[in-house]
Amino acid sequence: MILFIAHPYTNNIAHSIVGKLPFGNWYVTFLVSLCLLQGILYIKQKFENRGIFKYV
Protein backbone atom coordinates (compact mmCIF):
# COMPACT_ATOMS: atom_id res chain seq x y z
CA MET A 1 0.00 0.00 0.00
CA ILE A 2 2.78 2.41 0.88
CA LEU A 3 4.40 1.88 -2.52
CA PHE A 4 1.24 2.99 -4.31
CA ILE A 5 1.06 6.08 -2.13
CA ALA A 6 4.75 7.01 -2.42
CA HIS A 7 5.33 6.16 -6.10
CA PRO A 8 4.12 9.47 -7.63
CA TYR A 9 6.28 11.45 -5.22
CA THR A 10 9.39 9.36 -5.78
CA ASN A 11 8.85 9.48 -9.53
CA ASN A 12 8.61 13.29 -9.48
CA ILE A 13 11.74 13.56 -7.31
CA ALA A 14 13.61 11.19 -9.61
CA HIS A 15 12.48 13.14 -12.67
CA SER A 16 13.74 16.37 -11.09
CA ILE A 17 17.11 14.83 -10.21
CA VAL A 18 17.67 13.16 -13.57
CA GLY A 19 16.50 16.25 -15.47
CA LYS A 20 19.64 18.04 -14.31
CA LEU A 21 21.94 15.31 -15.66
CA PRO A 22 23.20 15.48 -19.25
CA PHE A 23 22.66 11.73 -19.78
CA GLY A 24 19.25 11.42 -18.12
CA ASN A 25 16.93 8.97 -19.86
CA TRP A 26 13.79 7.22 -18.73
CA TYR A 27 15.67 4.19 -17.43
CA VAL A 28 17.87 6.37 -15.19
CA THR A 29 14.69 7.98 -13.83
CA PHE A 30 13.29 4.50 -13.27
CA LEU A 31 16.39 3.36 -11.37
CA VAL A 32 16.47 6.47 -9.17
CA SER A 33 12.75 6.04 -8.43
CA LEU A 34 13.33 2.39 -7.48
CA CYS A 35 16.19 3.37 -5.17
CA LEU A 36 13.97 5.92 -3.43
CA LEU A 37 11.19 3.35 -3.03
CA GLN A 38 13.70 0.87 -1.63
CA GLY A 39 14.73 3.48 0.93
CA ILE A 40 11.10 3.93 1.97
CA LEU A 41 10.71 0.16 2.36
CA TYR A 42 13.87 0.04 4.47
CA ILE A 43 12.53 2.76 6.77
CA LYS A 44 9.17 0.97 6.98
CA GLN A 45 10.84 -2.25 8.06
CA LYS A 46 12.96 -0.44 10.65
CA PHE A 47 9.96 1.32 12.24
CA GLU A 48 7.35 -1.36 11.50
CA ASN A 49 4.82 -0.80 14.28
CA ARG A 50 5.41 2.87 15.01
CA GLY A 51 3.74 6.03 13.84
CA ILE A 52 2.10 6.03 10.46
CA PHE A 53 3.67 2.70 9.51
CA LYS A 54 1.12 0.92 11.72
CA TYR A 55 -1.58 1.86 9.23
CA VAL A 56 0.10 1.35 5.85
C-alpha atoms as a PDB file:
ATOM      1  CA  MET A   1       0.000   0.000   0.000  1.00  0.00           C
ATOM      2  CA  ILE A   2       2.782   2.414   0.882  1.00  0.00           C
ATOM      3  CA  LEU A   3       4.404   1.877  -2.523  1.00  0.00           C
ATOM      4  CA  PHE A   4       1.238   2.988  -4.309  1.00  0.00           C
ATOM      5  CA  ILE A   5       1.060   6.083  -2.129  1.00  0.00           C
ATOM      6  CA  ALA A   6       4.751   7.008  -2.422  1.00  0.00           C
ATOM      7  CA  HIS A   7       5.330   6.162  -6.098  1.00  0.00           C
ATOM      8  CA  PRO A   8       4.115   9.466  -7.626  1.00  0.00           C
ATOM      9  CA  TYR A   9       6.277  11.452  -5.225  1.00  0.00           C
ATOM     10  CA  THR A  10       9.395   9.362  -5.782  1.00  0.00           C
ATOM     11  CA  ASN A  11       8.852   9.484  -9.533  1.00  0.00           C
ATOM     12  CA  ASN A  12       8.611  13.288  -9.475  1.00  0.00           C
ATOM     13  CA  ILE A  13      11.736  13.558  -7.305  1.00  0.00           C
ATOM     14  CA  ALA A  14      13.611  11.187  -9.614  1.00  0.00           C
ATOM     15  CA  HIS A  15      12.485  13.138 -12.671  1.00  0.00           C
ATOM     16  CA  SER A  16      13.739  16.372 -11.095  1.00  0.00           C
ATOM     17  CA  ILE A  17      17.109  14.834 -10.209  1.00  0.00           C
ATOM     18  CA  VAL A  18      17.665  13.160 -13.568  1.00  0.00           C
ATOM     19  CA  GLY A  19      16.505  16.245 -15.473  1.00  0.00           C
ATOM     20  CA  LYS A  20      19.640  18.042 -14.307  1.00  0.00           C
ATOM     21  CA  LEU A  21      21.944  15.309 -15.659  1.00  0.00           C
ATOM     22  CA  PRO A  22      23.202  15.477 -19.246  1.00  0.00           C
ATOM     23  CA  PHE A  23      22.659  11.732 -19.777  1.00  0.00           C
ATOM     24  CA  GLY A  24      19.249  11.416 -18.116  1.00  0.00           C
ATOM     25  CA  ASN A  25      16.932   8.973 -19.864  1.00  0.00           C
ATOM     26  CA  TRP A  26      13.788   7.215 -18.735  1.00  0.00           C
ATOM     27  CA  TYR A  27      15.674   4.188 -17.431  1.00  0.00           C
ATOM     28  CA  VAL A  28      17.866   6.374 -15.191  1.00  0.00           C
ATOM     29  CA  THR A  29      14.693   7.983 -13.834  1.00  0.00           C
ATOM     30  CA  PHE A  30      13.286   4.501 -13.265  1.00  0.00           C
ATOM     31  CA  LEU A  31      16.389   3.358 -11.369  1.00  0.00           C
ATOM     32  CA  VAL A  32      16.468   6.474  -9.174  1.00  0.00           C
ATOM     33  CA  SER A  33      12.751   6.037  -8.428  1.00  0.00           C
ATOM     34  CA  LEU A  34      13.326   2.394  -7.481  1.00  0.00           C
ATOM     35  CA  CYS A  35      16.186   3.371  -5.172  1.00  0.00           C
ATOM     36  CA  LEU A  36      13.969   5.917  -3.432  1.00  0.00           C
ATOM     37  CA  LEU A  37      11.187   3.349  -3.028  1.00  0.00           C
ATOM     38  CA  GLN A  38      13.704   0.868  -1.628  1.00  0.00           C
ATOM     39  CA  GLY A  39      14.732   3.478   0.935  1.00  0.00           C
ATOM     40  CA  ILE A  40      11.105   3.927   1.971  1.00  0.00           C
ATOM     41  CA  LEU A  41      10.705   0.163   2.358  1.00  0.00           C
ATOM     42  CA  TYR A  42      13.867   0.035   4.474  1.00  0.00           C
ATOM     43  CA  ILE A  43      12.531   2.756   6.771  1.00  0.00           C
ATOM     44  CA  LYS A  44       9.172   0.967   6.976  1.00  0.00           C
ATOM     45  CA  GLN A  45      10.845  -2.252   8.064  1.00  0.00           C
ATOM     46  CA  LYS A  46      12.956  -0.440  10.646  1.00  0.00           C
ATOM     47  CA  PHE A  47       9.961   1.321  12.237  1.00  0.00           C
ATOM     48  CA  GLU A  48       7.354  -1.363  11.498  1.00  0.00           C
ATOM     49  CA  ASN A  49       4.824  -0.800  14.280  1.00  0.00           C
ATOM     50  CA  ARG A  50       5.410   2.874  15.012  1.00  0.00           C
ATOM     51  CA  GLY A  51       3.740   6.031  13.845  1.00  0.00           C
ATOM     52  CA  ILE A  52       2.104   6.032  10.462  1.00  0.00           C
ATOM     53  CA  PHE A  53       3.666   2.701   9.510  1.00  0.00           C
ATOM     54  CA  LYS A  54       1.116   0.924  11.723  1.00  0.00           C
ATOM     55  CA  TYR A  55      -1.580   1.860   9.229  1.00  0.00           C
ATOM     56  CA  VAL A  56       0.097   1.348   5.846  1.00  0.00           C
END
